[in-house]
Amino acid sequence: MGSYADININNQELLSWNNTFDEWFFTKQDRVRDVHDDEEIDDFIGYKVDAKALKRRLQLAGYDLRSAELDFNEVKTSWIAEMKESLESCRDNPDSIYADDSEQLTADLKVVEEHGFQDWLRTLPKTFNKSSTDFDTDYFNPKVNIEGKPLLSFILSAFHSVYDDNQGFAGSTFPCMYAETYAVVLLENCSDDAECVLDITDLVNGGWVSDFDDIAEVQAGETKFHEHFCTSLDELSTLNESANNVILQRMVFASVITTMEAYLSDTMKRNVLNRSAIKRRFVESHQSFKEKIAKKDVFSFFDSLEKTLNDEIDKISFHNIDIVKELYKKVLACEFPEDKLSKLRPSVFTRHDIVHRNGKKADGFSVDVSQQDVIELIELVRSVIKDVDLQIVDALLVDS
């Protein structure tokens, strides 16, 4: 069965999808993530905007009452032509199995011919939250007959006088070819503050689309990378307390710096690869992109840019505090706490001796690392990255 998403304007369905969705005229700024621990409260993940804003977006794209009326008239004209052709066919072939439909065809043709755009516009709200099942009708061919209201009856009845492929977007509910036309009509019948909703909760829960991770991170006050970083530090802290082992302490000490390096690398890569303005800042500031390229090679450059960015970021030594500090400032407009960096630099040198000198200093003596040294380093690194991550979170919802 899969999962579903739909767009509703003032509680009237406009569009729906199975296992996928389209943002349509909703934007990133419309996103809402309302998730509760209490299972009694319904979650919502999707987009919300008021009718006034949506109406303006449609108008700017060329969809308004004027375009809606043009669409309406084109579909109405095609219906009339098709019904007249069907009636003529019934008269020419009285023994045809479709001959019995001529009475209904005649009645439907009369309604369509006698009612125009404004008539449908005024009648449509009366159909909201109603269907043929609210009336005593034939289950297989429901026909509603409301005294003195032929158009309302027509809209609420089954419509077979035109082939399905020619009924347009909304069928007898409103003659039109485009979802945008029907949206304009729905918006005309609601207040400016009416809610327009694209609900993708079921898709997210079903695993068909991703959650709004940036909103989730803002709500949590930390990025996913920071969450993983803290989990790794907690594991290293537990490992550090398990035994008073010199070799183990060295390994844990070095791993703390490696964990910091992984956070800084992943955070830089995520932002550069997924945000165009930051991608541009990286290209403009990174030395490897200073080389001039011929005009004929421009498209080749763009085609390979993603891979080049990945490769260049992977080459950066993210345990080199001074390089990373400048990179984060130029690319992410992110400042490192200098007072804490001055304490961190000696630990980075110690990590170098552990990893690249087999635990020996340049003078040949062994690197001594105690459990307390590891504890202090973990807290220092945790504090530095927390300062950085708060700045990253602050910019998550900024379009770039």
Foldseek 3Di string as FASTA:
>chain_A
DAFKKFKDFLNHTLDMDGLDDDCVLFDLVQWDWADDPDPVDDTFTFGKDFLQVSLVSLVVVPAAPVVLQVQQVVLLVVLLVLLVVLLVVCVVCVPDPCVVCNVVSVLLNVLSVVDGDVNLLVLLVVCPPHALVVDPADPVWRFADDPPCSLNRQLRGDDDSDDPVSQARRRSNGRGNDSSSVSNSSSVVDDRGTMIIITCPRSCVSVSDDGPQLVVQLVVLFHPLLVVLVVVLVVLLVQLPPDFDFLSLLVSLLVNLVSLLVSLLVLLLVCLLPAPVLVVLCLVPDPVNPDDDDPVCVVVCVVCVNVVSVVVSVPDRSSPVVVSQVSCCRRVVFHFDVVLVVVCVVSSVQSCCVPPVVQADPVGHGPGGGSVNSVVNSVSSSVRVSSRRSSVSVCSSPHD
